[in-house]
Amino acid sequence: MLQDALQSAHQTHKTVGLVPTMGALHNGHLTLIKQARAENDIVVCSIFVNPIQFNNQEDLEKYPRLPEEDIELIKDYCDYCFMPSVEEMYPVPPTEKYNFGALEAVMEGAMRPGHFNGVGIVVNRLFQLTQPTKAYFGKKDFQQLAIIKQLVKDEHLNIEIRPVEIVREKDGLAISSRNKRLSETARQEAPFIYQTLLKAKAESTHLLPKQLEKWIAEQFAANKAFELEYAQVVDADTLQPIDDYQHSQSVIICLTAWLDNVRLIDNIIIK
């Protein structure tokens, strides 16, 4: 039914904006959807907790699922909400293999083997099902955004990828579905991540990238509420580690830390 409706839209040269999500929707997702609404004739939001991109079975089981609340949040901005079952997306076990090269060998890719292959599989299937004109992704998942751009290039897809700025709570915490799993005490601790990134940006005026990574690690080591998984200063285009700033047009700090058994990610552009 969805494909029939979208086929009709394509035949009449209407633009389709796709916002792929895993549900537990929040104002960050709503920002993506509102941008899609402003830029397209038809807006599709997909909600699918993709099992093949989880390395940790417990993390998959704990991932919040709130379909009724999700629909209520987006109903005024979205034409179609696509909520497929696992059986619909994967009638047989997927066998696709993507090679994103150096982009997936660092940070999230290094910590979560196979994660980006799972992302590539589900996003490409969503692209094939909906044939969007534009697709919207948040910059909080900065490495994922780079992977999706590479996927579009590798698969020769005629889709414009639209990055959307990180949406934050008033205290600076990057809005995430995982924030729902934080205890009240941990939620009060959580803004430390962005506060540290802001200070790190200031420190970057006199610390080289490796020194800056060490400085960030020291800040987290001094805060016993957190366990830092990684903090890396990388070229924002290649995502590769750098030794200085002058050879990169844009530089970003990407960071992942555990708080209250919840894995939180964030980043900040420093050049």
C-alpha atoms as a PDB file:
ATOM      1  CA  MET A   1       0.000   0.000   0.000  1.00  0.00           C
ATOM      2  CA  LEU A   2       2.777   2.435   0.938  1.00  0.00           C
ATOM      3  CA  GLN A   3       4.733   1.601  -2.204  1.00  0.00           C
ATOM      4  CA  ASP A   4       1.600   2.085  -4.331  1.00  0.00           C
ATOM      5  CA  ALA A   5       0.977   5.515  -2.789  1.00  0.00           C
ATOM      6  CA  LEU A   6       4.581   6.554  -3.259  1.00  0.00           C
ATOM      7  CA  GLN A   7       4.667   5.251  -6.816  1.00  0.00           C
ATOM      8  CA  SER A   8       1.715   7.508  -7.569  1.00  0.00           C
ATOM      9  CA  ALA A   9       3.592  10.416  -5.992  1.00  0.00           C
ATOM     10  CA  HIS A  10       6.663   9.753  -8.138  1.00  0.00           C
ATOM     11  CA  GLN A  11       4.556   9.523 -11.286  1.00  0.00           C
ATOM     12  CA  THR A  12       3.175  13.000 -10.570  1.00  0.00           C
ATOM     13  CA  HIS A  13       6.698  14.303  -9.863  1.00  0.00           C
ATOM     14  CA  LYS A  14       6.084  14.906  -6.169  1.00  0.00           C
ATOM     15  CA  THR A  15       9.103  14.923  -3.882  1.00  0.00           C
ATOM     16  CA  VAL A  16       9.345  12.382  -1.062  1.00  0.00           C
ATOM     17  CA  GLY A  17      11.271  13.014   2.150  1.00  0.00           C
ATOM     18  CA  LEU A  18      12.268   9.984   4.238  1.00  0.00           C
ATOM     19  CA  VAL A  19      13.180  10.081   7.919  1.00  0.00           C
ATOM     20  CA  PRO A  20      14.456   6.629   8.977  1.00  0.00           C
ATOM     21  CA  THR A  21      14.227   6.044  12.752  1.00  0.00           C
ATOM     22  CA  MET A  22      14.257   3.273  15.319  1.00  0.00           C
ATOM     23  CA  GLY A  23      11.353   4.803  17.212  1.00  0.00           C
ATOM     24  CA  ALA A  24      11.216   6.120  20.785  1.00  0.00           C
ATOM     25  CA  LEU A  25      10.820   9.419  18.970  1.00  0.00           C
ATOM     26  CA  HIS A  26      11.765  12.759  20.504  1.00  0.00           C
ATOM     27  CA  ASN A  27      12.262  16.396  19.522  1.00  0.00           C
ATOM     28  CA  GLY A  28      15.419  15.499  17.623  1.00  0.00           C
ATOM     29  CA  HIS A  29      13.432  13.230  15.313  1.00  0.00           C
ATOM     30  CA  LEU A  30      10.679  15.824  15.124  1.00  0.00           C
ATOM     31  CA  THR A  31      13.224  18.383  13.916  1.00  0.00           C
ATOM     32  CA  LEU A  32      14.198  15.991  11.088  1.00  0.00           C
ATOM     33  CA  ILE A  33      10.546  15.439  10.201  1.00  0.00           C
ATOM     34  CA  LYS A  34       9.731  19.152  10.245  1.00  0.00           C
ATOM     35  CA  GLN A  35      12.643  19.854   7.907  1.00  0.00           C
ATOM     36  CA  ALA A  36      11.454  17.072   5.615  1.00  0.00           C
ATOM     37  CA  ARG A  37       7.949  18.590   5.742  1.00  0.00           C
ATOM     38  CA  ALA A  38       9.288  21.991   4.728  1.00  0.00           C
ATOM     39  CA  GLU A  39      11.265  20.582   1.803  1.00  0.00           C
ATOM     40  CA  ASN A  40       9.018  17.880   0.315  1.00  0.00           C
ATOM     41  CA  ASP A  41       5.508  17.199  -0.936  1.00  0.00           C
ATOM     42  CA  ILE A  42       5.255  13.906   0.954  1.00  0.00           C
ATOM     43  CA  VAL A  43       6.956  12.871   4.218  1.00  0.00           C
ATOM     44  CA  VAL A  44       7.554   9.275   5.281  1.00  0.00           C
ATOM     45  CA  CYS A  45       8.860   8.364   8.734  1.00  0.00           C
ATOM     46  CA  SER A  46       9.982   4.767   9.169  1.00  0.00           C
ATOM     47  CA  ILE A  47      10.086   3.178  12.622  1.00  0.00           C
ATOM     48  CA  PHE A  48      12.049  -0.058  12.804  1.00  0.00           C
ATOM     49  CA  VAL A  49      14.333  -1.326  15.557  1.00  0.00           C
ATOM     50  CA  ASN A  50      16.914  -2.982  13.330  1.00  0.00           C
ATOM     51  CA  PRO A  51      18.185  -6.144  15.032  1.00  0.00           C
ATOM     52  CA  ILE A  52      21.177  -6.664  12.738  1.00  0.00           C
ATOM     53  CA  GLN A  53      22.904  -3.428  13.764  1.00  0.00           C
ATOM     54  CA  PHE A  54      23.057  -4.361  17.458  1.00  0.00           C
ATOM     55  CA  ASN A  55      26.193  -6.087  18.690  1.00  0.00           C
ATOM     56  CA  ASN A  56      24.763  -6.454  22.178  1.00  0.00           C
ATOM     57  CA  GLN A  57      21.591  -8.548  22.516  1.00  0.00           C
ATOM     58  CA  GLU A  58      20.760  -6.932  25.856  1.00  0.00           C
ATOM     59  CA  ASP A  59      20.985  -3.484  24.255  1.00  0.00           C
ATOM     60  CA  LEU A  60      18.526  -4.614  21.561  1.00  0.00           C
ATOM     61  CA  GLU A  61      16.103  -5.962  24.157  1.00  0.00           C
ATOM     62  CA  LYS A  62      16.288  -2.791  26.263  1.00  0.00           C
ATOM     63  CA  TYR A  63      15.870  -0.413  23.347  1.00  0.00           C
ATOM     64  CA  PRO A  64      12.684   1.581  24.096  1.00  0.00           C
ATOM     65  CA  ARG A  65       9.649   0.808  21.946  1.00  0.00           C
ATOM     66  CA  LEU A  66       6.789   3.310  22.212  1.00  0.00           C
ATOM     67  CA  PRO A  67       4.734   3.069  18.991  1.00  0.00           C
ATOM     68  CA  GLU A  68       1.592   4.831  20.272  1.00  0.00           C
ATOM     69  CA  GLU A  69       3.565   7.772  21.659  1.00  0.00           C
ATOM     70  CA  ASP A  70       5.646   7.924  18.465  1.00  0.00           C
ATOM     71  CA  ILE A  71       2.583   8.199  16.231  1.00  0.00           C
ATOM     72  CA  GLU A  72       1.039  10.861  18.459  1.00  0.00           C
ATOM     73  CA  LEU A  73       4.222  12.965  18.257  1.00  0.00           C
ATOM     74  CA  ILE A  74       4.569  12.955  14.475  1.00  0.00           C
ATOM     75  CA  LYS A  75       1.003  12.621  13.151  1.00  0.00           C
ATOM     76  CA  ASP A  76       0.632  16.319  12.295  1.00  0.00           C
ATOM     77  CA  TYR A  77       3.854  16.447  10.257  1.00  0.00           C
ATOM     78  CA  CYS A  78       3.989  13.082   8.537  1.00  0.00           C
ATOM     79  CA  ASP A  79       2.002  11.640   5.638  1.00  0.00           C
ATOM     80  CA  TYR A  80       3.024   8.035   6.191  1.00  0.00           C
ATOM     81  CA  CYS A  81       4.470   6.196   9.173  1.00  0.00           C
ATOM     82  CA  PHE A  82       6.055   2.949   7.997  1.00  0.00           C
ATOM     83  CA  MET A  83       6.408   0.409  10.826  1.00  0.00           C
ATOM     84  CA  PRO A  84       7.503  -2.892   9.266  1.00  0.00           C
ATOM     85  CA  SER A  85       8.022  -6.101  11.219  1.00  0.00           C
ATOM     86  CA  VAL A  86      11.373  -7.908  11.244  1.00  0.00           C
ATOM     87  CA  GLU A  87       9.775 -10.530   8.959  1.00  0.00           C
ATOM     88  CA  GLU A  88       8.788  -7.855   6.438  1.00  0.00           C
ATOM     89  CA  MET A  89      12.270  -6.337   6.353  1.00  0.00           C
ATOM     90  CA  TYR A  90      14.098  -9.666   6.448  1.00  0.00           C
ATOM     91  CA  PRO A  91      11.899 -12.449   5.046  1.00  0.00           C
ATOM     92  CA  VAL A  92      15.143 -14.423   4.767  1.00  0.00           C
ATOM     93  CA  PRO A  93      18.378 -13.741   6.693  1.00  0.00           C
ATOM     94  CA  PRO A  94      20.185 -10.833   4.981  1.00  0.00           C
ATOM     95  CA  THR A  95      23.438 -11.635   3.214  1.00  0.00           C
ATOM     96  CA  GLU A  96      24.448  -8.219   1.844  1.00  0.00           C
ATOM     97  CA  LYS A  97      28.010  -7.145   2.616  1.00  0.00           C
ATOM     98  CA  TYR A  98      29.082  -3.529   2.381  1.00  0.00           C
ATOM     99  CA  ASN A  99      32.622  -2.239   2.486  1.00  0.00           C
ATOM    100  CA  PHE A 100      32.821   1.326   3.720  1.00  0.00           C
ATOM    101  CA  GLY A 101      36.606   1.227   3.900  1.00  0.00           C
ATOM    102  CA  ALA A 102      38.409   3.503   6.322  1.00  0.00           C
ATOM    103  CA  LEU A 103      35.146   5.207   7.334  1.00  0.00           C
ATOM    104  CA  GLU A 104      34.000   2.129   9.259  1.00  0.00           C
ATOM    105  CA  ALA A 105      37.404   1.082  10.642  1.00  0.00           C
ATOM    106  CA  VAL A 106      37.415   3.725  13.383  1.00  0.00           C
ATOM    107  CA  MET A 107      35.357   4.772  16.418  1.00  0.00           C
ATOM    108  CA  GLU A 108      31.877   3.155  16.285  1.00  0.00           C
ATOM    109  CA  GLY A 109      32.992   0.744  13.584  1.00  0.00           C
ATOM    110  CA  ALA A 110      36.000  -0.384  15.616  1.00  0.00           C
ATOM    111  CA  MET A 111      33.946  -0.767  18.797  1.00  0.00           C
ATOM    112  CA  ARG A 112      30.930  -2.439  17.173  1.00  0.00           C
ATOM    113  CA  PRO A 113      32.059  -4.866  14.438  1.00  0.00           C
ATOM    114  CA  GLY A 114      29.372  -5.394  11.817  1.00  0.00           C
ATOM    115  CA  HIS A 115      27.290  -2.473  13.086  1.00  0.00           C
ATOM    116  CA  PHE A 116      27.600  -0.352   9.961  1.00  0.00           C
ATOM    117  CA  ASN A 117      26.952  -3.299   7.668  1.00  0.00           C
ATOM    118  CA  GLY A 118      23.642  -3.689   9.513  1.00  0.00           C
ATOM    119  CA  VAL A 119      22.959   0.028   9.121  1.00  0.00           C
ATOM    120  CA  GLY A 120      23.808  -0.130   5.421  1.00  0.00           C
ATOM    121  CA  ILE A 121      21.499  -3.092   4.836  1.00  0.00           C
ATOM    122  CA  VAL A 122      18.452  -1.594   6.550  1.00  0.00           C
ATOM    123  CA  VAL A 123      18.882   1.911   5.119  1.00  0.00           C
ATOM    124  CA  ASN A 124      19.357   0.642   1.583  1.00  0.00           C
ATOM    125  CA  ARG A 125      16.248  -1.528   1.925  1.00  0.00           C
ATOM    126  CA  LEU A 126      14.278   1.468   3.212  1.00  0.00           C
ATOM    127  CA  PHE A 127      15.577   3.504   0.269  1.00  0.00           C
ATOM    128  CA  GLN A 128      14.462   0.807  -2.183  1.00  0.00           C
ATOM    129  CA  LEU A 129      11.016   0.562  -0.583  1.00  0.00           C
ATOM    130  CA  THR A 130      10.317   4.302  -0.456  1.00  0.00           C
ATOM    131  CA  GLN A 131      12.461   5.735  -3.310  1.00  0.00           C
ATOM    132  CA  PRO A 132      12.882   9.078  -1.493  1.00  0.00           C
ATOM    133  CA  THR A 133      13.996  12.300  -3.123  1.00  0.00           C
ATOM    134  CA  LYS A 134      15.719  13.319   0.104  1.00  0.00           C
ATOM    135  CA  ALA A 135      16.574  11.458   3.320  1.00  0.00           C
ATOM    136  CA  TYR A 136      17.204  13.103   6.670  1.00  0.00           C
ATOM    137  CA  PHE A 137      19.787  12.118   9.269  1.00  0.00           C
ATOM    138  CA  GLY A 138      20.949  13.833  12.453  1.00  0.00           C
ATOM    139  CA  LYS A 139      24.539  14.935  12.955  1.00  0.00           C
ATOM    140  CA  LYS A 140      24.644  13.378  16.423  1.00  0.00           C
ATOM    141  CA  ASP A 141      25.367  10.062  14.700  1.00  0.00           C
ATOM    142  CA  PHE A 142      28.123  11.736  12.712  1.00  0.00           C
ATOM    143  CA  GLN A 143      29.914   8.584  11.606  1.00  0.00           C
ATOM    144  CA  GLN A 144      26.631   6.990  10.553  1.00  0.00           C
ATOM    145  CA  LEU A 145      25.896  10.075   8.461  1.00  0.00           C
ATOM    146  CA  ALA A 146      29.250   9.649   6.673  1.00  0.00           C
ATOM    147  CA  ILE A 147      28.497   5.951   6.101  1.00  0.00           C
ATOM    148  CA  ILE A 148      25.061   6.732   4.602  1.00  0.00           C
ATOM    149  CA  LYS A 149      26.597   9.299   2.236  1.00  0.00           C
ATOM    150  CA  GLN A 150      29.113   6.650   1.145  1.00  0.00           C
ATOM    151  CA  LEU A 151      26.307   4.096   0.689  1.00  0.00           C
ATOM    152  CA  VAL A 152      24.422   6.467  -1.631  1.00  0.00           C
ATOM    153  CA  LYS A 153      27.602   7.058  -3.611  1.00  0.00           C
ATOM    154  CA  ASP A 154      28.555   3.364  -3.816  1.00  0.00           C
ATOM    155  CA  GLU A 155      25.054   2.248  -4.808  1.00  0.00           C
ATOM    156  CA  HIS A 156      24.641   5.135  -7.300  1.00  0.00           C
ATOM    157  CA  LEU A 157      21.385   6.213  -5.674  1.00  0.00           C
ATOM    158  CA  ASN A 158      19.684   9.404  -6.782  1.00  0.00           C
ATOM    159  CA  ILE A 159      18.925  10.516  -3.208  1.00  0.00           C
ATOM    160  CA  GLU A 160      19.990  13.732  -1.519  1.00  0.00           C
ATOM    161  CA  ILE A 161      21.189  13.151   2.047  1.00  0.00           C
ATOM    162  CA  ARG A 162      20.170  16.065   4.276  1.00  0.00           C
ATOM    163  CA  PRO A 163      22.176  16.374   7.518  1.00  0.00           C
ATOM    164  CA  VAL A 164      20.370  18.068  10.426  1.00  0.00           C
ATOM    165  CA  GLU A 165      22.062  19.750  13.385  1.00  0.00           C
ATOM    166  CA  ILE A 166      22.146  18.100  16.823  1.00  0.00           C
ATOM    167  CA  VAL A 167      19.140  18.983  18.964  1.00  0.00           C
ATOM    168  CA  ARG A 168      19.963  19.459  22.643  1.00  0.00           C
ATOM    169  CA  GLU A 169      18.113  19.727  25.915  1.00  0.00           C
ATOM    170  CA  LYS A 170      18.326  23.090  27.701  1.00  0.00           C
ATOM    171  CA  ASP A 171      21.250  21.760  29.753  1.00  0.00           C
ATOM    172  CA  GLY A 172      23.169  20.729  26.626  1.00  0.00           C
ATOM    173  CA  LEU A 173      22.592  16.973  26.616  1.00  0.00           C
ATOM    174  CA  ALA A 174      22.178  15.704  23.051  1.00  0.00           C
ATOM    175  CA  ILE A 175      18.615  14.417  22.730  1.00  0.00           C
ATOM    176  CA  SER A 176      18.594  10.638  22.289  1.00  0.00           C
ATOM    177  CA  SER A 177      16.122   7.782  22.651  1.00  0.00           C
ATOM    178  CA  ARG A 178      18.602   6.198  25.064  1.00  0.00           C
ATOM    179  CA  ASN A 179      18.226   9.125  27.473  1.00  0.00           C
ATOM    180  CA  LYS A 180      14.920   7.558  28.548  1.00  0.00           C
ATOM    181  CA  ARG A 181      16.912   4.769  30.200  1.00  0.00           C
ATOM    182  CA  LEU A 182      18.890   7.100  32.487  1.00  0.00           C
ATOM    183  CA  SER A 183      17.996   7.207  36.166  1.00  0.00           C
ATOM    184  CA  GLU A 184      17.059  10.601  37.587  1.00  0.00           C
ATOM    185  CA  THR A 185      20.498  10.938  39.195  1.00  0.00           C
ATOM    186  CA  ALA A 186      22.300   9.930  36.001  1.00  0.00           C
ATOM    187  CA  ARG A 187      20.202  12.351  33.957  1.00  0.00           C
ATOM    188  CA  GLN A 188      21.508  15.174  36.156  1.00  0.00           C
ATOM    189  CA  GLU A 189      25.079  13.989  35.524  1.00  0.00           C
ATOM    190  CA  ALA A 190      24.626  13.594  31.755  1.00  0.00           C
ATOM    191  CA  PRO A 191      25.268  17.245  30.670  1.00  0.00           C
ATOM    192  CA  PHE A 192      28.902  16.702  31.699  1.00  0.00           C
ATOM    193  CA  ILE A 193      29.480  15.201  28.237  1.00  0.00           C
ATOM    194  CA  TYR A 194      28.620  18.366  26.322  1.00  0.00           C
ATOM    195  CA  GLN A 195      30.231  20.615  28.946  1.00  0.00           C
ATOM    196  CA  THR A 196      33.471  18.691  28.433  1.00  0.00           C
ATOM    197  CA  LEU A 197      33.187  18.965  24.655  1.00  0.00           C
ATOM    198  CA  LEU A 198      32.717  22.737  24.902  1.00  0.00           C
ATOM    199  CA  LYS A 199      35.787  23.037  27.150  1.00  0.00           C
ATOM    200  CA  ALA A 200      37.726  20.776  24.786  1.00  0.00           C
ATOM    201  CA  LYS A 201      36.886  23.086  21.889  1.00  0.00           C
ATOM    202  CA  ALA A 202      38.393  25.960  23.866  1.00  0.00           C
ATOM    203  CA  GLU A 203      41.441  23.839  24.770  1.00  0.00           C
ATOM    204  CA  SER A 204      41.984  23.013  21.078  1.00  0.00           C
ATOM    205  CA  THR A 205      43.418  26.511  20.573  1.00  0.00           C
ATOM    206  CA  HIS A 206      46.589  25.400  22.338  1.00  0.00           C
ATOM    207  CA  LEU A 207      46.505  21.589  22.483  1.00  0.00           C
ATOM    208  CA  LEU A 208      47.318  19.349  19.516  1.00  0.00           C
ATOM    209  CA  PRO A 209      44.796  16.605  18.671  1.00  0.00           C
ATOM    210  CA  LYS A 210      46.518  13.809  20.628  1.00  0.00           C
ATOM    211  CA  GLN A 211      47.033  16.133  23.591  1.00  0.00           C
ATOM    212  CA  LEU A 212      43.383  17.102  23.414  1.00  0.00           C
ATOM    213  CA  GLU A 213      42.279  13.455  23.446  1.00  0.00           C
ATOM    214  CA  LYS A 214      44.428  12.915  26.546  1.00  0.00           C
ATOM    215  CA  TRP A 215      42.923  16.009  28.198  1.00  0.00           C
ATOM    216  CA  ILE A 216      39.373  14.720  27.550  1.00  0.00           C
ATOM    217  CA  ALA A 217      40.277  11.284  28.930  1.00  0.00           C
ATOM    218  CA  GLU A 218      41.561  12.946  32.097  1.00  0.00           C
ATOM    219  CA  GLN A 219      38.308  14.871  32.564  1.00  0.00           C
ATOM    220  CA  PHE A 220      36.281  11.672  32.354  1.00  0.00           C
ATOM    221  CA  ALA A 221      38.704   9.743  34.571  1.00  0.00           C
ATOM    222  CA  ALA A 222      38.068  12.376  37.271  1.00  0.00           C
ATOM    223  CA  ASN A 223      34.275  11.873  37.039  1.00  0.00           C
ATOM    224  CA  LYS A 224      33.478   8.450  38.469  1.00  0.00           C
ATOM    225  CA  ALA A 225      29.897   8.491  37.117  1.00  0.00           C
ATOM    226  CA  PHE A 226      31.218   7.929  33.588  1.00  0.00           C
ATOM    227  CA  GLU A 227      33.260   5.365  31.734  1.00  0.00           C
ATOM    228  CA  LEU A 228      34.773   6.862  28.589  1.00  0.00           C
ATOM    229  CA  GLU A 229      34.780   4.430  25.662  1.00  0.00           C
ATOM    230  CA  TYR A 230      36.624   6.736  23.280  1.00  0.00           C
ATOM    231  CA  ALA A 231      37.217  10.386  22.495  1.00  0.00           C
ATOM    232  CA  GLN A 232      38.849  10.997  19.135  1.00  0.00           C
ATOM    233  CA  VAL A 233      39.831  14.132  17.283  1.00  0.00           C
ATOM    234  CA  VAL A 234      39.407  13.370  13.590  1.00  0.00           C
ATOM    235  CA  ASP A 235      39.144  14.916  10.158  1.00  0.00           C
ATOM    236  CA  ALA A 236      35.417  15.566   9.704  1.00  0.00           C
ATOM    237  CA  ASP A 237      35.488  14.404   6.064  1.00  0.00           C
ATOM    238  CA  THR A 238      37.566  11.211   6.339  1.00  0.00           C
ATOM    239  CA  LEU A 239      36.947  10.447  10.058  1.00  0.00           C
ATOM    240  CA  GLN A 240      40.614   9.534  10.328  1.00  0.00           C
ATOM    241  CA  PRO A 241      42.777  10.555  13.325  1.00  0.00           C
ATOM    242  CA  ILE A 242      44.933  13.632  12.783  1.00  0.00           C
ATOM    243  CA  ASP A 243      48.182  14.918  14.268  1.00  0.00           C
ATOM    244  CA  ASP A 244      47.536  18.602  13.591  1.00  0.00           C
ATOM    245  CA  TYR A 245      44.721  20.893  12.527  1.00  0.00           C
ATOM    246  CA  GLN A 246      46.128  22.714   9.511  1.00  0.00           C
ATOM    247  CA  HIS A 247      45.813  19.815   7.053  1.00  0.00           C
ATOM    248  CA  SER A 248      42.059  19.381   7.613  1.00  0.00           C
ATOM    249  CA  GLN A 249      39.329  21.671   6.373  1.00  0.00           C
ATOM    250  CA  SER A 250      37.075  20.606   9.218  1.00  0.00           C
ATOM    251  CA  VAL A 251      37.877  18.851  12.508  1.00  0.00           C
ATOM    252  CA  ILE A 252      35.464  17.134  14.888  1.00  0.00           C
ATOM    253  CA  ILE A 253      35.697  15.544  18.324  1.00  0.00           C
ATOM    254  CA  CYS A 254      33.623  12.359  18.495  1.00  0.00           C
ATOM    255  CA  LEU A 255      32.970  10.889  21.909  1.00  0.00           C
ATOM    256  CA  THR A 256      31.213   7.883  23.419  1.00  0.00           C
ATOM    257  CA  ALA A 257      30.779   7.314  27.142  1.00  0.00           C
ATOM    258  CA  TRP A 258      28.815   5.019  29.415  1.00  0.00           C
ATOM    259  CA  LEU A 259      26.602   6.451  32.149  1.00  0.00           C
ATOM    260  CA  ASP A 260      24.277   4.340  34.291  1.00  0.00           C
ATOM    261  CA  ASN A 261      24.831   1.390  31.896  1.00  0.00           C
ATOM    262  CA  VAL A 262      23.617   3.549  28.997  1.00  0.00           C
ATOM    263  CA  ARG A 263      25.879   4.257  26.025  1.00  0.00           C
ATOM    264  CA  LEU A 264      25.771   7.933  25.021  1.00  0.00           C
ATOM    265  CA  ILE A 265      27.410   9.565  21.994  1.00  0.00           C
ATOM    266  CA  ASP A 266      28.066  13.188  21.115  1.00  0.00           C
ATOM    267  CA  ASN A 267      30.378  15.333  19.030  1.00  0.00           C
ATOM    268  CA  ILE A 268      31.447  18.880  18.401  1.00  0.00           C
ATOM    269  CA  ILE A 269      33.047  20.574  15.413  1.00  0.00           C
ATOM    270  CA  ILE A 270      36.174  22.414  16.571  1.00  0.00           C
ATOM    271  CA  LYS A 271      37.314  23.786  13.212  1.00  0.00           C
END
